[in-house]
Protein backbone atom coordinates (compact mmCIF):
# COMPACT_ATOMS: atom_id res chain seq x y z
CA MET A 1 111.84 57.89 107.47
CA THR A 2 110.08 61.17 106.72
CA ALA A 3 111.87 64.32 105.69
CA PRO A 4 111.68 67.31 108.06
CA ALA A 5 109.30 70.11 107.19
CA ILE A 6 110.70 73.02 105.19
CA GLU A 7 110.19 75.33 108.20
CA GLN A 8 112.80 73.30 110.06
CA HIS A 9 115.45 73.53 107.34
CA PRO A 10 118.63 75.07 108.81
CA ASP A 11 118.80 77.79 106.16
CA ILE A 12 115.19 78.85 106.77
CA ALA A 13 115.76 78.90 110.52
CA ALA A 14 118.92 80.99 110.07
CA LEU A 15 117.14 83.49 107.83
CA ARG A 16 114.27 83.87 110.29
CA ALA A 17 116.74 84.40 113.12
CA ARG A 18 118.53 87.05 111.04
CA TYR A 19 115.27 88.89 110.34
CA ASP A 20 114.25 88.67 113.98
CA ARG A 21 117.61 90.16 115.03
CA ALA A 22 117.11 92.94 112.49
CA ALA A 23 113.71 93.73 114.01
CA GLU A 24 115.23 94.00 117.49
CA THR A 25 117.41 97.00 116.65
CA PRO A 26 116.35 100.40 118.02
CA THR A 27 116.04 101.79 114.49
CA ALA A 28 113.73 98.96 113.45
CA GLN A 29 111.61 99.39 116.56
CA LEU A 30 111.33 103.12 115.86
CA VAL A 31 110.22 102.47 112.27
CA GLU A 32 107.71 99.84 113.39
CA GLY A 33 106.30 102.16 116.04
CA LEU A 34 106.01 105.07 113.61
CA THR A 35 104.34 102.77 111.09
CA LEU A 36 101.82 101.72 113.74
CA LEU A 37 101.11 105.35 114.66
CA THR A 38 100.73 106.27 110.98
CA GLY A 39 98.21 103.46 110.49
CA LEU A 40 96.25 104.46 113.58
CA TYR A 41 96.19 108.11 112.53
CA LEU A 42 95.14 107.19 109.01
CA ALA A 43 92.28 105.06 110.37
CA MET A 44 90.97 107.81 112.63
CA SER A 45 91.75 110.79 110.37
CA PRO A 46 88.21 111.13 108.97
CA TRP A 47 87.00 111.91 112.49
CA VAL A 48 90.07 113.91 113.56
CA VAL A 49 90.16 116.12 110.47
CA GLY A 50 86.40 116.04 109.99
CA PHE A 51 85.67 114.58 106.58
CA THR A 52 83.31 111.76 107.52
CA ASP A 53 80.81 113.24 105.04
CA HIS A 54 83.13 111.99 102.27
CA GLY A 55 82.10 108.38 102.82
CA SER A 56 84.31 106.72 100.23
CA LEU A 57 87.48 108.55 101.29
CA ALA A 58 86.68 108.02 104.96
CA ALA A 59 86.20 104.29 104.38
CA SER A 60 89.40 104.10 102.33
CA ASN A 61 91.35 105.79 105.11
CA LEU A 62 89.78 103.60 107.77
CA PHE A 63 90.54 100.32 106.00
CA SER A 64 93.99 101.41 104.80
CA GLY A 65 94.90 102.63 108.28
CA VAL A 66 93.77 99.43 109.96
CA ALA A 67 95.75 97.40 107.42
CA VAL A 68 98.92 99.45 107.98
CA ALA A 69 98.53 99.21 111.76
CA LEU A 70 98.02 95.43 111.62
CA LEU A 71 101.04 95.04 109.36
CA ALA A 72 103.13 97.10 111.78
CA LEU A 73 102.02 94.88 114.67
CA GLY A 74 102.96 91.81 112.64
CA PHE A 75 106.38 93.22 111.82
CA ALA A 76 106.98 94.21 115.43
CA SER A 77 105.99 90.83 116.83
CA ALA A 78 107.29 88.39 114.20
CA TYR A 79 109.36 90.08 111.50
CA GLY A 80 111.07 86.77 110.74
CA ARG A 81 107.73 85.38 109.58
CA THR A 82 106.14 88.52 108.13
CA HIS A 83 109.01 90.14 106.22
CA GLY A 84 107.73 88.62 102.99
CA ILE A 85 104.73 90.96 102.95
CA ALA A 86 106.65 94.12 103.92
CA TRP A 87 106.13 95.40 100.37
CA VAL A 88 102.40 95.79 101.08
CA THR A 89 102.80 98.82 103.37
CA PRO A 90 104.35 101.10 100.71
CA VAL A 91 101.70 99.97 98.22
CA ILE A 92 98.95 100.92 100.68
CA GLY A 93 100.75 104.25 101.14
CA VAL A 94 100.72 104.91 97.39
CA TRP A 95 97.02 104.04 97.27
CA THR A 96 96.41 106.43 100.16
CA ILE A 97 98.20 109.25 98.34
CA LEU A 98 96.08 108.70 95.21
CA ALA A 99 92.78 107.92 96.96
CA PRO A 100 91.45 111.50 97.26
CA TRP A 101 91.30 111.67 93.47
CA LEU A 102 90.35 108.05 92.75
CA VAL A 103 87.52 107.25 95.15
CA SER A 104 83.97 108.08 94.18
CA GLY A 105 81.86 110.67 95.89
CA PRO A 106 82.18 114.39 96.49
CA THR A 107 85.60 115.96 96.12
CA ALA A 108 87.34 116.20 99.48
CA ASP A 109 88.35 119.57 100.86
CA GLY A 110 91.94 120.73 101.26
CA SER A 111 92.43 119.57 104.83
CA ALA A 112 91.19 116.05 104.01
CA VAL A 113 93.44 115.81 100.96
CA THR A 114 96.47 117.19 102.83
CA SER A 115 95.98 114.85 105.78
CA THR A 116 95.49 111.83 103.54
CA VAL A 117 98.47 112.59 101.28
CA ILE A 118 100.82 113.20 104.23
CA ALA A 119 99.69 110.00 105.97
CA GLY A 120 100.15 108.09 102.70
CA ALA A 121 103.64 109.53 102.20
CA LEU A 122 104.58 108.52 105.75
CA ALA A 123 103.23 105.02 105.13
CA VAL A 124 105.39 104.78 101.99
CA LEU A 125 108.46 106.07 103.84
CA PHE A 126 108.07 103.84 106.89
CA GLY A 127 107.04 100.90 104.72
CA LEU A 128 110.23 101.22 102.71
CA GLY A 129 112.14 101.38 105.99
CA THR A 130 110.50 98.15 107.11
CA LEU A 131 111.17 96.58 103.74
CA THR A 132 114.90 97.31 103.97
CA MET A 133 115.28 96.18 107.59
CA GLY A 134 116.27 92.64 106.70
CA MET A 135 118.72 93.82 104.06
CA ARG A 136 121.09 95.52 106.49
CA ARG A 137 124.52 93.93 106.75
CA ARG A 138 125.31 94.40 110.45
CA MET A 139 123.11 92.27 112.67
């Protein structure tokens, strides 16, 4: 007789159900939606704000934004399975805040730096919100 897979263990199934219930709350859906919008804005900000001539910062924003948006989609669709990587969104946000000074190339102008830092701060904020979703008591 073979043992059931770990994914079918009652405790694992209960935890996933708890995380999925947490993701169904209106607050969680708001945070996930705002995280998605932040990621999309971050990805398109080089063209919206107009700093595509800063290639390294534009590429950083594009890749960071796509990553945040994909994480938000994962959290919104299957938080029970993706909650373990929720810590990645705030880390990407911190990188985004620091990127204007750490990436190579010409120094970005004020509007590029402001846009990038604000988007990074929002990614940190919403990422921390996503991270704490499963820790709430009432579900």
